[in-house]
Protein backbone atom coordinates (compact mmCIF):
# COMPACT_ATOMS: atom_id res chain seq x y z
CA UNK A 1 79.63 113.44 94.48
CA UNK A 2 81.38 116.43 92.89
CA UNK A 3 82.07 116.29 89.12
CA UNK A 4 85.71 116.38 88.08
CA UNK A 5 87.17 119.56 86.64
CA UNK A 6 89.97 117.76 84.80
CA UNK A 7 91.88 114.52 84.93
CA UNK A 8 95.16 115.95 86.11
CA UNK A 9 94.66 116.67 89.80
CA UNK A 10 96.52 118.74 92.39
CA UNK A 11 95.35 117.97 95.91
CA UNK A 12 96.10 119.36 99.36
CA UNK A 13 96.30 116.55 101.92
CA UNK A 14 95.94 116.91 105.70
CA UNK A 15 96.86 114.32 108.34
CA UNK A 16 96.19 114.70 112.08
CA UNK A 17 95.20 111.21 113.23
CA UNK A 18 97.86 110.81 115.96
CA UNK A 19 100.87 112.92 116.91
CA UNK A 20 101.97 114.38 113.56
CA UNK A 21 100.42 117.53 112.13
CA UNK A 22 101.07 117.11 108.42
CA UNK A 23 100.14 118.79 105.16
CA UNK A 24 101.19 117.98 101.62
CA UNK A 25 100.46 118.95 98.04
CA UNK A 26 100.50 116.10 95.55
CA UNK A 27 100.03 116.20 91.78
CA UNK A 28 98.51 113.16 90.07
CA UNK A 29 98.80 113.38 86.29
CA UNK A 30 96.23 111.96 83.90
CA UNK A 31 98.45 108.91 83.28
CA UNK A 32 98.62 108.20 87.02
CA UNK A 33 102.14 109.55 87.51
CA UNK A 34 102.56 111.08 90.98
CA UNK A 35 104.66 114.07 92.01
CA UNK A 36 104.95 115.20 95.62
CA UNK A 37 105.16 118.99 95.42
CA UNK A 38 105.55 119.40 99.17
CA UNK A 39 105.35 117.35 102.35
CA UNK A 40 105.51 119.07 105.72
CA UNK A 41 105.34 117.08 108.96
CA UNK A 42 105.21 118.75 112.35
CA UNK A 43 106.02 116.29 115.14
CA UNK A 44 104.97 116.39 118.78
CA UNK A 45 107.78 114.26 120.21
CA UNK A 46 108.79 116.80 122.83
CA UNK A 47 105.24 117.23 124.15
CA UNK A 48 104.66 113.49 124.57
CA UNK A 49 108.17 112.32 125.54
CA UNK A 50 107.70 112.90 129.30
CA UNK A 51 104.73 110.49 129.24
CA UNK A 52 106.41 107.77 127.16
CA UNK A 53 103.56 107.76 124.64
CA UNK A 54 100.90 109.87 122.97
CA UNK A 55 98.47 111.73 125.25
CA UNK A 56 95.27 112.33 123.20
CA UNK A 57 94.33 115.70 124.70
CA UNK A 58 97.86 117.07 124.30
CA UNK A 59 97.89 115.83 120.71
CA UNK A 60 94.58 117.50 119.85
CA UNK A 61 95.65 120.84 121.32
CA UNK A 62 98.97 120.69 119.46
CA UNK A 63 97.15 120.03 116.17
CA UNK A 64 94.96 123.10 116.72
CA UNK A 65 98.04 125.24 117.31
CA UNK A 66 99.98 123.90 114.32
CA UNK A 67 97.56 123.08 111.50
CA UNK A 68 97.28 126.56 109.97
CA UNK A 69 101.04 127.14 109.82
CA UNK A 70 101.80 123.62 108.57
CA UNK A 71 99.23 123.89 105.76
CA UNK A 72 100.52 127.34 104.78
CA UNK A 73 104.09 125.99 104.66
CA UNK A 74 102.97 123.08 102.45
CA UNK A 75 101.37 125.49 99.99
CA UNK A 76 104.42 127.78 100.04
CA UNK A 77 106.81 124.88 99.49
CA UNK A 78 104.67 123.60 96.60
CA UNK A 79 104.94 127.03 94.97
CA UNK A 80 101.22 127.32 94.22
CA UNK A 81 98.20 129.19 95.51
CA UNK A 82 94.91 127.74 96.69
CA UNK A 83 93.41 128.61 93.29
CA UNK A 84 95.62 125.90 91.73
CA UNK A 85 94.09 123.13 93.84
CA UNK A 86 91.57 120.65 92.45
CA UNK A 87 90.57 119.19 95.79
CA UNK A 88 91.25 118.81 99.51
CA UNK A 89 91.80 115.45 101.22
CA UNK A 90 91.79 115.08 105.00
CA UNK A 91 92.10 112.07 107.26
CA UNK A 92 88.64 111.34 108.70
CA UNK A 93 89.69 108.28 110.75
CA UNK A 94 90.62 105.97 112.25
CA UNK A 95 92.68 107.64 114.93
CA UNK A 96 92.55 109.82 118.03
CA UNK A 97 89.24 111.49 117.30
CA UNK A 98 90.16 114.85 118.82
CA UNK A 99 93.07 115.17 116.42
CA UNK A 100 91.15 113.78 113.45
CA UNK A 101 88.50 116.47 113.98
CA UNK A 102 91.11 119.23 113.71
CA UNK A 103 92.44 118.24 110.30
CA UNK A 104 89.02 117.34 108.92
CA UNK A 105 87.52 120.65 110.06
CA UNK A 106 90.42 122.56 108.49
CA UNK A 107 89.97 120.62 105.25
CA UNK A 108 86.26 121.40 105.21
CA UNK A 109 87.01 125.10 105.72
CA UNK A 110 89.40 125.16 102.75
CA UNK A 111 86.96 123.20 100.58
CA UNK A 112 84.09 125.54 101.46
CA UNK A 113 86.07 128.75 101.05
CA UNK A 114 87.57 127.72 97.71
CA UNK A 115 84.60 125.74 96.35
CA UNK A 116 86.69 122.58 96.11
CA UNK A 117 85.65 118.93 96.43
CA UNK A 118 86.45 117.33 99.76
CA UNK A 119 87.65 113.75 100.20
CA UNK A 120 87.35 112.30 103.71
CA UNK A 121 90.17 109.74 103.61
CA UNK A 122 90.52 106.56 105.60
CA UNK A 123 94.00 106.82 107.15
CA UNK A 124 94.60 103.13 106.37
CA UNK A 125 93.83 103.73 102.69
CA UNK A 126 96.50 106.42 102.77
CA UNK A 127 99.01 103.84 103.96
CA UNK A 128 97.71 101.40 101.34
CA UNK A 129 98.64 103.77 98.49
CA UNK A 130 101.78 105.22 100.10
CA UNK A 131 104.19 103.00 98.15
CA UNK A 132 102.81 104.60 94.97
CA UNK A 133 104.46 107.84 96.09
CA UNK A 134 107.81 106.35 95.14
CA UNK A 135 107.02 103.92 92.32
CA UNK A 136 104.38 103.03 89.77
CA UNK A 137 102.54 100.05 91.26
CA UNK A 138 99.55 98.60 89.45
CA UNK A 139 96.53 97.05 91.13
CA UNK A 140 95.93 94.44 92.40
CA UNK A 141 98.49 93.77 95.13
CA UNK A 142 98.85 92.08 98.48
CA UNK A 143 99.36 94.59 101.28
CA UNK A 144 100.84 94.22 104.75
CA UNK A 145 99.87 97.32 106.70
CA UNK A 146 101.95 97.35 109.86
CA UNK A 147 102.20 100.34 112.18
CA UNK A 148 101.79 101.47 115.77
CA UNK A 149 98.03 101.12 115.65
CA UNK A 150 97.36 98.64 112.87
CA UNK A 151 98.51 95.25 111.63
CA UNK A 152 96.59 93.79 108.71
CA UNK A 153 97.04 91.74 105.56
CA UNK A 154 94.80 92.99 102.76
CA UNK A 155 94.14 92.20 99.12
CA UNK A 156 93.91 95.56 97.36
CA UNK A 157 92.00 95.26 94.08
CA UNK A 158 91.67 98.97 93.30
CA UNK A 159 90.70 102.35 94.70
CA UNK A 160 88.80 101.67 97.91
CA UNK A 161 88.48 97.95 97.11
CA UNK A 162 90.18 96.02 99.91
CA UNK A 163 89.59 92.52 101.27
CA UNK A 164 90.99 91.68 104.68
CA UNK A 165 92.93 88.42 104.91
CA UNK A 166 94.17 88.78 108.47
CA UNK A 167 94.46 91.25 111.33
CA UNK A 168 95.80 91.48 114.85
CA UNK A 169 93.57 90.01 117.54
CA UNK A 170 95.12 92.25 120.21
CA UNK A 171 98.10 94.60 119.82
CA UNK A 172 99.74 95.90 116.67
CA UNK A 173 103.39 95.20 115.91
CA UNK A 174 104.36 98.86 116.22
CA UNK A 175 102.68 99.09 119.61
CA UNK A 176 104.68 96.07 120.75
CA UNK A 177 107.90 97.72 119.57
CA UNK A 178 107.06 100.95 121.40
CA UNK A 179 105.86 99.38 124.67
CA UNK A 180 108.81 96.97 124.89
CA UNK A 181 111.19 99.83 124.12
CA UNK A 182 109.67 101.76 127.04
CA UNK A 183 110.21 98.78 129.35
CA UNK A 184 113.87 98.79 128.28
CA UNK A 185 114.18 102.44 129.24
CA UNK A 186 114.47 103.66 125.65
CA UNK A 187 113.23 107.12 124.63
CA UNK A 188 110.02 107.84 122.74
CA UNK A 189 109.38 107.01 119.90
CA UNK A 190 110.46 103.54 120.90
CA UNK A 191 110.47 101.59 117.63
CA UNK A 192 113.48 103.31 116.00
CA UNK A 193 115.34 103.34 119.34
CA UNK A 194 114.80 99.60 119.80
CA UNK A 195 116.05 98.89 116.26
CA UNK A 196 119.20 100.89 116.95
CA UNK A 197 119.84 99.02 120.21
CA UNK A 198 119.14 95.65 118.55
CA UNK A 199 122.02 96.22 116.12
CA UNK A 200 124.51 95.32 118.88
CA UNK A 201 122.47 92.42 120.29
CA UNK A 202 122.21 88.66 119.73
CA UNK A 203 118.66 87.63 118.72
CA UNK A 204 119.21 84.06 119.93
CA UNK A 205 119.86 84.98 123.58
CA UNK A 206 116.19 85.12 124.62
CA UNK A 207 113.57 82.53 123.74
CA UNK A 208 110.38 84.55 123.37
CA UNK A 209 106.85 83.09 122.93
CA UNK A 210 105.40 82.44 119.47
CA UNK A 211 101.74 83.36 119.14
CA UNK A 212 98.95 81.43 117.38
CA UNK A 213 101.33 78.67 116.28
CA UNK A 214 98.60 76.10 115.70
CA UNK A 215 96.29 78.36 113.74
CA UNK A 216 96.17 78.26 109.95
CA UNK A 217 94.79 81.75 109.34
CA UNK A 218 96.65 85.01 108.71
CA UNK A 219 95.90 86.75 112.02
CA UNK A 220 98.51 88.23 114.34
CA UNK A 221 98.99 88.51 118.10
CA UNK A 222 101.70 90.48 119.89
CA UNK A 223 100.26 90.82 123.39
CA UNK A 224 102.00 87.75 124.82
CA UNK A 225 105.33 88.78 123.34
CA UNK A 226 104.94 92.28 124.78
CA UNK A 227 104.19 90.95 128.26
CA UNK A 228 107.02 88.37 128.23
CA UNK A 229 109.58 90.90 127.05
CA UNK A 230 108.50 93.46 129.66
CA UNK A 231 108.94 90.88 132.44
CA UNK A 232 112.39 89.95 131.16
CA UNK A 233 113.37 93.62 130.98
CA UNK A 234 112.49 94.06 134.66
CA UNK A 235 115.09 91.43 135.62
CA UNK A 236 118.01 92.94 133.70
CA UNK A 237 120.57 94.54 136.05
CA UNK A 238 121.55 98.16 135.67
CA UNK A 239 125.26 97.56 134.95
CA UNK A 240 127.59 96.83 132.03
CA UNK A 241 126.40 93.22 131.75
CA UNK A 242 122.84 94.50 131.82
CA UNK A 243 123.57 96.85 128.92
CA UNK A 244 124.45 93.89 126.71
CA UNK A 245 121.42 91.95 127.95
CA UNK A 246 119.18 94.87 126.97
CA UNK A 247 120.69 94.85 123.48
CA UNK A 248 120.18 91.07 123.26
CA UNK A 249 116.55 91.40 124.36
CA UNK A 250 115.95 94.17 121.82
CA UNK A 251 117.43 91.97 119.08
CA UNK A 252 115.32 88.99 120.21
CA UNK A 253 112.15 91.08 120.22
CA UNK A 254 112.88 92.45 116.76
CA UNK A 255 113.54 88.93 115.47
CA UNK A 256 110.31 87.60 117.03
CA UNK A 257 108.18 90.37 115.51
CA UNK A 258 109.80 90.02 112.10
CA UNK A 259 109.35 86.24 112.25
CA UNK A 260 105.63 86.47 112.99
CA UNK A 261 105.06 89.07 110.27
CA UNK A 262 106.99 86.86 107.84
CA UNK A 263 105.14 83.66 108.76
CA UNK A 264 101.68 85.19 108.33
CA UNK A 265 102.71 86.98 105.14
CA UNK A 266 104.04 83.74 103.68
CA UNK A 267 100.68 82.10 104.36
CA UNK A 268 98.81 85.03 102.76
CA UNK A 269 101.09 84.98 99.72
CA UNK A 270 100.38 81.33 99.04
CA UNK A 271 96.63 81.90 99.30
CA UNK A 272 96.81 85.04 97.15
CA UNK A 273 98.83 83.24 94.44
CA UNK A 274 96.22 80.48 94.25
CA UNK A 275 93.49 83.08 93.66
CA UNK A 276 95.49 84.93 90.99
CA UNK A 277 97.02 82.27 88.71
CA UNK A 278 99.03 83.60 85.80
CA UNK A 279 99.07 87.17 87.11
CA UNK A 280 101.97 89.32 88.19
CA UNK A 281 102.19 88.89 91.96
CA UNK A 282 102.83 92.17 93.76
CA UNK A 283 103.49 92.70 97.46
CA UNK A 284 103.52 96.02 99.30
CA UNK A 285 104.42 96.67 102.94
CA UNK A 286 103.40 100.04 104.39
CA UNK A 287 103.16 101.76 107.76
CA UNK A 288 105.75 102.86 110.27
CA UNK A 289 107.10 99.36 110.94
CA UNK A 290 107.88 99.07 107.21
CA UNK A 291 110.92 101.26 107.97
CA UNK A 292 112.44 98.55 110.18
CA UNK A 293 115.37 96.91 108.41
CA UNK A 294 114.93 93.43 109.91
CA UNK A 295 111.25 93.39 109.00
CA UNK A 296 111.98 94.49 105.44
CA UNK A 297 114.65 91.83 105.03
CA UNK A 298 112.31 89.07 106.23
CA UNK A 299 109.54 90.21 103.90
CA UNK A 300 111.89 90.52 100.93
CA UNK A 301 112.84 86.88 101.49
CA UNK A 302 109.12 86.00 101.49
CA UNK A 303 108.77 87.71 98.13
CA UNK A 304 111.77 85.91 96.66
CA UNK A 305 110.49 82.54 97.91
CA UNK A 306 106.96 83.06 96.58
CA UNK A 307 107.57 84.91 93.31
CA UNK A 308 106.26 88.33 94.40
CA UNK A 309 107.64 91.73 93.60
CA UNK A 310 108.49 93.81 96.67
CA UNK A 311 107.59 97.45 97.18
CA UNK A 312 107.59 99.72 100.20
CA UNK A 313 107.13 103.48 100.54
CA UNK A 314 110.20 105.69 100.61
CA UNK A 315 111.27 105.93 104.25
CA UNK A 316 109.87 109.46 104.54
CA UNK A 317 106.41 108.12 103.78
CA UNK A 318 106.42 105.01 106.00
CA UNK A 319 105.34 106.91 109.11
CA UNK A 320 102.26 109.14 109.18
CA UNK A 321 102.36 111.87 106.54
CA UNK A 322 99.96 113.90 104.45
CA UNK A 323 101.35 113.00 101.03
CA UNK A 324 99.70 109.58 101.27
CA UNK A 325 96.41 111.26 102.25
CA UNK A 326 96.63 113.65 99.31
CA UNK A 327 97.32 110.75 96.93
CA UNK A 328 94.43 108.69 98.30
CA UNK A 329 92.21 111.72 97.79
CA UNK A 330 93.48 112.29 94.26
CA UNK A 331 92.87 108.67 93.30
CA UNK A 332 89.31 108.90 94.59
CA UNK A 333 88.71 112.18 92.77
CA UNK A 334 90.09 110.62 89.58
CA UNK A 335 87.25 108.07 89.61
CA UNK A 336 84.64 110.65 90.63
CA UNK A 337 84.42 110.04 94.38
CA UNK A 338 84.18 112.90 96.86
CA UNK A 339 82.40 113.59 100.16
CA UNK A 340 79.92 116.09 101.52
CA UNK A 341 80.88 118.67 104.10
CA UNK A 342 79.00 116.73 106.77
CA UNK A 343 81.59 113.92 106.70
CA UNK A 344 82.29 112.86 110.28
CA UNK A 345 85.49 112.09 112.17
CA UNK A 346 85.66 108.39 113.04
CA UNK A 347 87.83 106.87 115.80
CA UNK A 348 87.35 103.43 114.20
CA UNK A 349 87.08 102.79 110.48
CA UNK A 350 88.12 99.39 109.08
CA UNK A 351 89.33 99.40 105.48
CA UNK A 352 87.45 96.18 104.76
CA UNK A 353 84.44 97.32 106.74
CA UNK A 354 82.05 94.58 105.63
CA UNK A 355 84.41 91.81 106.77
CA UNK A 356 85.21 93.60 110.02
CA UNK A 357 81.54 93.93 110.90
CA UNK A 358 80.53 90.41 109.88
CA UNK A 359 83.45 88.61 111.54
CA UNK A 360 85.49 90.92 113.78
CA UNK A 361 88.76 89.58 115.13
CA UNK A 362 88.50 92.14 117.89
CA UNK A 363 85.44 92.53 120.08
CA UNK A 364 83.05 95.37 119.40
CA UNK A 365 83.33 98.66 121.19
CA UNK A 366 80.64 101.28 121.26
CA UNK A 367 81.75 102.55 117.86
CA UNK A 368 81.83 99.14 116.18
CA UNK A 369 84.59 96.81 115.04
CA UNK A 370 88.12 98.07 115.46
CA UNK A 371 90.24 99.08 112.50
């Protein structure tokens, strides 16, 4: 653990867990106020578009080619030199391990060359603090983390202190959006394209399955919905009538996903409120799916019904970015936590690791419980 140099902290963040090569410089003042000095995100949409999804080897190679220039641009845009940094934070997992290794290795190199503390950040913790990039949000809060790879409800008590209330037992909501969008012939990335198509559709036209209806926990399941929607998409004709049917199916899918997220969140809110009587009840939604308008509207209604405040990251910080990694690193440095240079890249890394290992909703792989 590296001793702090001062309480005000300027941190370079690096994010390479999937298909964005990102770097950011974030300033966290002594009073906790956050300023994003720069946030650069290099996308790989063109490289992956022909395959309809992310190809891990292509992603890793693209990160290698881009990381130096993206980090240099982040420092230039922040208007500071490396001597002004107080630390380096890099995503160390979970994610596509080839890409994670690129950003983590670059972060280690900067930390070693400049004698700076390194923070190996859990990508999910970055999402957990991302709403704090746009507003002052005190701990504790209830978090819905919903993205292409993750769907979890967590009680966040403080820096690195998370308790899992529910998780997906199969696919994440963002994955369902993307895979169903692909079956509808929409371009990659599918989630935003499906939301755009859904705007002209009728969500009541298709009766899609509801998962885990009889269960009383806060877990999610989107596999059945994904399969049912893909089969319906195959039957839609390629004509003018089919165009409207595709819009109706997109709207129905969006409604079904938002409904399930809302139902499980409502259940988690009631349980959370019972455990925190008399306290201010805060709710945060983060991750790429947090940018979806229908999902936000459903969750805002949950908050109004249950007496919670509602916060979400600014839209620029909903999808993967390095500002959230830099902030997670700064918050850890502020309480004296840093990592050695032998920190490893991890393809799986649950936020609430103890709960994931003791009672995994997903089966174990060779690397342990899934994130």
